[in-house]
N, C-alpha and C. Protein backbone atom coordinates (compact mmCIF):
# COMPACT_ATOMS: atom_id res chain seq x y z
N MET A 1 0.83 -1.19 0.00
CA MET A 1 0.00 0.00 0.00
C MET A 1 0.88 1.26 0.00
N ILE A 2 0.61 2.14 -0.90
CA ILE A 2 1.37 3.37 -1.01
C ILE A 2 0.62 4.47 -0.24
N THR A 3 1.34 5.14 0.64
CA THR A 3 0.74 6.24 1.39
C THR A 3 1.22 7.57 0.82
N GLU A 4 0.37 8.54 0.89
CA GLU A 4 0.72 9.89 0.42
C GLU A 4 1.74 10.51 1.35
N PRO A 5 2.70 11.22 0.82
CA PRO A 5 3.66 11.92 1.68
C PRO A 5 2.97 13.08 2.40
N LYS A 6 3.55 13.47 3.52
CA LYS A 6 3.05 14.66 4.22
C LYS A 6 3.68 15.87 3.56
N ARG A 7 2.88 16.83 3.27
CA ARG A 7 3.36 18.05 2.61
C ARG A 7 3.26 19.22 3.58
N TYR A 8 4.26 20.07 3.53
CA TYR A 8 4.32 21.23 4.42
C TYR A 8 4.57 22.49 3.61
N LYS A 9 4.02 23.60 4.10
CA LYS A 9 4.26 24.92 3.53
C LYS A 9 4.99 25.75 4.57
N PHE A 10 6.00 26.47 4.12
CA PHE A 10 6.73 27.39 4.98
C PHE A 10 6.34 28.81 4.57
N PHE A 11 6.02 29.62 5.56
CA PHE A 11 5.57 30.99 5.33
C PHE A 11 6.52 32.00 5.95
N ASN A 12 6.60 33.18 5.32
CA ASN A 12 7.24 34.34 5.92
C ASN A 12 6.12 35.08 6.66
N ASN A 13 6.19 35.11 7.96
CA ASN A 13 5.14 35.71 8.79
C ASN A 13 4.96 37.21 8.51
N GLU A 14 6.02 37.88 8.10
CA GLU A 14 5.94 39.32 7.85
C GLU A 14 5.15 39.63 6.58
N THR A 15 5.21 38.74 5.59
CA THR A 15 4.52 38.99 4.32
C THR A 15 3.36 38.03 4.07
N ASP A 16 3.26 36.96 4.87
CA ASP A 16 2.28 35.89 4.69
C ASP A 16 2.40 35.19 3.35
N ASN A 17 3.58 35.25 2.75
CA ASN A 17 3.84 34.54 1.49
C ASN A 17 4.42 33.17 1.77
N VAL A 18 4.03 32.20 0.95
CA VAL A 18 4.65 30.88 1.01
C VAL A 18 6.04 31.01 0.40
N ILE A 19 7.05 30.54 1.13
CA ILE A 19 8.42 30.67 0.63
C ILE A 19 9.04 29.31 0.30
N TYR A 20 8.38 28.21 0.70
CA TYR A 20 8.97 26.90 0.44
C TYR A 20 7.92 25.82 0.66
N TYR A 21 8.02 24.76 -0.14
CA TYR A 21 7.19 23.57 0.02
C TYR A 21 8.11 22.40 0.30
N LEU A 22 7.66 21.48 1.16
CA LEU A 22 8.46 20.32 1.50
C LEU A 22 7.56 19.10 1.64
N SER A 23 7.95 17.98 1.06
CA SER A 23 7.24 16.71 1.19
C SER A 23 8.12 15.73 1.94
N LEU A 24 7.52 15.03 2.92
CA LEU A 24 8.24 14.04 3.69
C LEU A 24 7.45 12.73 3.71
N PRO A 25 8.13 11.59 3.71
CA PRO A 25 7.41 10.31 3.76
C PRO A 25 6.55 10.22 5.01
N SER A 26 5.31 9.80 4.86
CA SER A 26 4.38 9.81 5.99
C SER A 26 4.65 8.73 7.02
N GLY A 27 5.32 7.66 6.69
CA GLY A 27 5.54 6.57 7.62
C GLY A 27 6.79 6.69 8.46
N GLU A 28 7.56 7.73 8.30
CA GLU A 28 8.83 7.86 9.00
C GLU A 28 8.75 8.85 10.15
N SER A 29 9.64 8.69 11.11
CA SER A 29 9.70 9.62 12.23
C SER A 29 10.79 10.67 11.97
N GLY A 30 10.90 11.62 12.85
CA GLY A 30 11.94 12.64 12.71
C GLY A 30 11.53 13.85 11.90
N HIS A 31 10.24 13.99 11.64
CA HIS A 31 9.78 15.14 10.84
C HIS A 31 10.08 16.46 11.54
N LYS A 32 9.92 16.52 12.85
CA LYS A 32 10.14 17.77 13.58
C LYS A 32 11.56 18.29 13.37
N GLU A 33 12.54 17.40 13.43
CA GLU A 33 13.94 17.81 13.25
C GLU A 33 14.17 18.32 11.83
N ILE A 34 13.60 17.64 10.85
CA ILE A 34 13.76 18.04 9.45
C ILE A 34 13.08 19.39 9.22
N LEU A 35 11.90 19.57 9.77
CA LEU A 35 11.17 20.83 9.60
C LEU A 35 11.93 22.00 10.24
N GLU A 36 12.46 21.78 11.43
CA GLU A 36 13.19 22.86 12.11
C GLU A 36 14.50 23.18 11.39
N SER A 37 15.20 22.17 10.87
CA SER A 37 16.45 22.45 10.15
C SER A 37 16.16 23.14 8.82
N THR A 38 15.04 22.81 8.19
CA THR A 38 14.64 23.48 6.95
C THR A 38 14.30 24.94 7.24
N LYS A 39 13.63 25.17 8.35
CA LYS A 39 13.29 26.54 8.77
C LYS A 39 14.56 27.38 8.96
N LEU A 40 15.55 26.80 9.64
CA LEU A 40 16.82 27.49 9.85
C LEU A 40 17.52 27.77 8.53
N LYS A 41 17.55 26.77 7.65
CA LYS A 41 18.18 26.93 6.33
C LYS A 41 17.53 28.06 5.54
N LEU A 42 16.20 28.11 5.55
CA LEU A 42 15.49 29.16 4.83
C LEU A 42 15.80 30.54 5.40
N ALA A 43 15.89 30.64 6.71
CA ALA A 43 16.21 31.92 7.35
C ALA A 43 17.59 32.41 6.93
N VAL A 44 18.57 31.52 6.95
CA VAL A 44 19.94 31.89 6.60
C VAL A 44 20.04 32.26 5.12
N GLU A 45 19.49 31.41 4.26
CA GLU A 45 19.62 31.63 2.82
C GLU A 45 18.88 32.88 2.34
N ASN A 46 17.80 33.25 3.02
CA ASN A 46 16.99 34.38 2.56
C ASN A 46 17.14 35.62 3.42
N GLY A 47 17.99 35.57 4.44
CA GLY A 47 18.20 36.73 5.30
C GLY A 47 16.95 37.13 6.06
N ILE A 48 16.18 36.14 6.50
CA ILE A 48 14.93 36.38 7.22
C ILE A 48 15.14 35.97 8.67
N TYR A 49 14.61 36.76 9.59
CA TYR A 49 14.65 36.41 11.00
C TYR A 49 13.94 35.08 11.19
N ILE A 50 14.58 34.13 11.89
CA ILE A 50 14.02 32.78 12.01
C ILE A 50 12.65 32.78 12.70
N GLY A 51 12.41 33.75 13.56
CA GLY A 51 11.11 33.86 14.23
C GLY A 51 10.00 34.30 13.29
N SER A 52 10.36 34.73 12.08
CA SER A 52 9.36 35.16 11.10
C SER A 52 8.96 34.04 10.16
N ILE A 53 9.53 32.86 10.35
CA ILE A 53 9.20 31.73 9.48
C ILE A 53 8.40 30.71 10.28
N TYR A 54 7.32 30.24 9.70
CA TYR A 54 6.56 29.16 10.32
C TYR A 54 6.10 28.20 9.24
N TYR A 55 5.68 27.02 9.66
CA TYR A 55 5.24 26.01 8.70
C TYR A 55 3.94 25.36 9.18
N ILE A 56 3.18 24.88 8.22
CA ILE A 56 1.96 24.15 8.50
C ILE A 56 1.89 22.94 7.57
N GLU A 57 1.16 21.93 7.98
CA GLU A 57 0.94 20.80 7.10
C GLU A 57 -0.08 21.21 6.05
N ASP A 58 0.23 20.92 4.80
CA ASP A 58 -0.64 21.28 3.68
C ASP A 58 -1.67 20.17 3.49
N THR A 59 -2.88 20.43 3.94
CA THR A 59 -3.95 19.43 3.81
C THR A 59 -4.86 19.72 2.62
N GLU A 60 -4.57 20.77 1.88
CA GLU A 60 -5.42 21.18 0.77
C GLU A 60 -4.79 20.87 -0.58
N HIS A 61 -3.78 20.03 -0.63
CA HIS A 61 -3.11 19.74 -1.90
C HIS A 61 -3.96 18.81 -2.76
N GLU A 62 -3.68 18.85 -4.03
CA GLU A 62 -4.38 17.99 -4.99
C GLU A 62 -3.89 16.56 -4.85
N THR A 63 -4.78 15.61 -4.74
CA THR A 63 -4.38 14.21 -4.62
C THR A 63 -4.44 13.47 -5.93
N GLY A 64 -4.97 14.11 -6.95
CA GLY A 64 -5.06 13.47 -8.26
C GLY A 64 -6.24 12.53 -8.39
N LYS A 65 -7.14 12.58 -7.43
CA LYS A 65 -8.32 11.70 -7.46
C LYS A 65 -9.52 12.39 -8.06
């Protein structure tokens, strides 16, 4: 059985713009660490204060059904 990956959106809180999308396998653990390291990477690469970046699970994506 194939499970859909979990999808996440990263936002810049100051502009409310989506700045990054990330998909992770749904059956694996360690998502929190990956999400936090991605958040840090985005802050450094884009010169954004890390407190201005947040992420949510994208539950509104197209499933192709």
